[in-house]
Amino acid sequence: MRQYFENLIEEKNIQNDDISIYIKALDSKHAIGKPKRQDYPLSKWQESAFRI
């Protein structure tokens, strides 16, 4: 992740700008919404998107 942002900063030529990045963990409501079932099943389209 760090390398990604370093490349992005260089690409945008903003090395001398002040940059702040704030992160936080998502609660379940923000991460998956409000499913009807409370066991948080993946929907079929999401599940198939993560298969390798």
C-alpha atoms as a PDB file:
ATOM      1  CA  MET A   1       0.000   0.000   0.000  1.00  0.00           C
ATOM      2  CA  ARG A   2       2.821   2.358   0.876  1.00  0.00           C
ATOM      3  CA  GLN A   3       4.509   1.781  -2.481  1.00  0.00           C
ATOM      4  CA  TYR A   4       1.211   2.450  -4.277  1.00  0.00           C
ATOM      5  CA  PHE A   5       0.881   5.869  -2.631  1.00  0.00           C
ATOM      6  CA  GLU A   6       4.540   6.714  -3.157  1.00  0.00           C
ATOM      7  CA  ASN A   7       4.097   6.010  -6.875  1.00  0.00           C
ATOM      8  CA  LEU A   8       0.883   8.037  -6.979  1.00  0.00           C
ATOM      9  CA  ILE A   9       2.543  11.007  -5.275  1.00  0.00           C
ATOM     10  CA  GLU A  10       5.421  10.885  -7.732  1.00  0.00           C
ATOM     11  CA  GLU A  11       3.066  10.490 -10.706  1.00  0.00           C
ATOM     12  CA  LYS A  12       1.012  13.538  -9.647  1.00  0.00           C
ATOM     13  CA  ASN A  13       4.201  15.493  -8.874  1.00  0.00           C
ATOM     14  CA  ILE A  14       3.055  16.450  -5.389  1.00  0.00           C
ATOM     15  CA  GLN A  15       6.163  15.417  -3.423  1.00  0.00           C
ATOM     16  CA  ASN A  16       6.466  18.841  -1.796  1.00  0.00           C
ATOM     17  CA  ASP A  17       2.791  19.174  -0.809  1.00  0.00           C
ATOM     18  CA  ASP A  18       1.540  18.440   2.696  1.00  0.00           C
ATOM     19  CA  ILE A  19      -0.461  15.231   2.536  1.00  0.00           C
ATOM     20  CA  SER A  20      -2.499  13.707   5.360  1.00  0.00           C
ATOM     21  CA  ILE A  21      -4.150  10.315   5.207  1.00  0.00           C
ATOM     22  CA  TYR A  22      -6.636   9.179   7.828  1.00  0.00           C
ATOM     23  CA  ILE A  23      -7.896   5.624   8.059  1.00  0.00           C
ATOM     24  CA  LYS A  24     -10.207   3.733  10.371  1.00  0.00           C
ATOM     25  CA  ALA A  25     -11.842   0.341  10.514  1.00  0.00           C
ATOM     26  CA  LEU A  26     -15.377   0.069   9.184  1.00  0.00           C
ATOM     27  CA  ASP A  27     -18.161  -1.255  11.351  1.00  0.00           C
ATOM     28  CA  SER A  28     -20.303  -4.010   9.837  1.00  0.00           C
ATOM     29  CA  LYS A  29     -23.055  -1.577   8.816  1.00  0.00           C
ATOM     30  CA  HIS A  30     -20.665   0.454   6.667  1.00  0.00           C
ATOM     31  CA  ALA A  31     -18.750  -2.577   5.378  1.00  0.00           C
ATOM     32  CA  ILE A  32     -21.682  -4.747   4.221  1.00  0.00           C
ATOM     33  CA  GLY A  33     -24.803  -2.652   4.680  1.00  0.00           C
ATOM     34  CA  LYS A  34     -27.898  -4.025   6.406  1.00  0.00           C
ATOM     35  CA  PRO A  35     -28.610  -7.547   5.142  1.00  0.00           C
ATOM     36  CA  LYS A  36     -31.965  -9.167   5.905  1.00  0.00           C
ATOM     37  CA  ARG A  37     -30.217 -12.130   7.512  1.00  0.00           C
ATOM     38  CA  GLN A  38     -28.057 -11.393  10.535  1.00  0.00           C
ATOM     39  CA  ASP A  39     -25.394 -14.037   9.858  1.00  0.00           C
ATOM     40  CA  TYR A  40     -23.889 -11.756   7.155  1.00  0.00           C
ATOM     41  CA  PRO A  41     -23.894 -14.172   4.208  1.00  0.00           C
ATOM     42  CA  LEU A  42     -22.155 -13.115   1.043  1.00  0.00           C
ATOM     43  CA  SER A  43     -24.453 -12.650  -1.879  1.00  0.00           C
ATOM     44  CA  LYS A  44     -23.720 -14.950  -4.812  1.00  0.00           C
ATOM     45  CA  TRP A  45     -22.306 -12.209  -7.024  1.00  0.00           C
ATOM     46  CA  GLN A  46     -19.893 -11.056  -4.316  1.00  0.00           C
ATOM     47  CA  GLU A  47     -18.830 -14.581  -3.468  1.00  0.00           C
ATOM     48  CA  SER A  48     -18.065 -15.471  -7.073  1.00  0.00           C
ATOM     49  CA  ALA A  49     -16.118 -12.224  -7.568  1.00  0.00           C
ATOM     50  CA  PHE A  50     -13.569 -13.298  -4.946  1.00  0.00           C
ATOM     51  CA  ARG A  51     -12.930 -16.800  -6.250  1.00  0.00           C
ATOM     52  CA  ILE A  52      -9.511 -17.325  -7.719  1.00  0.00           C
END
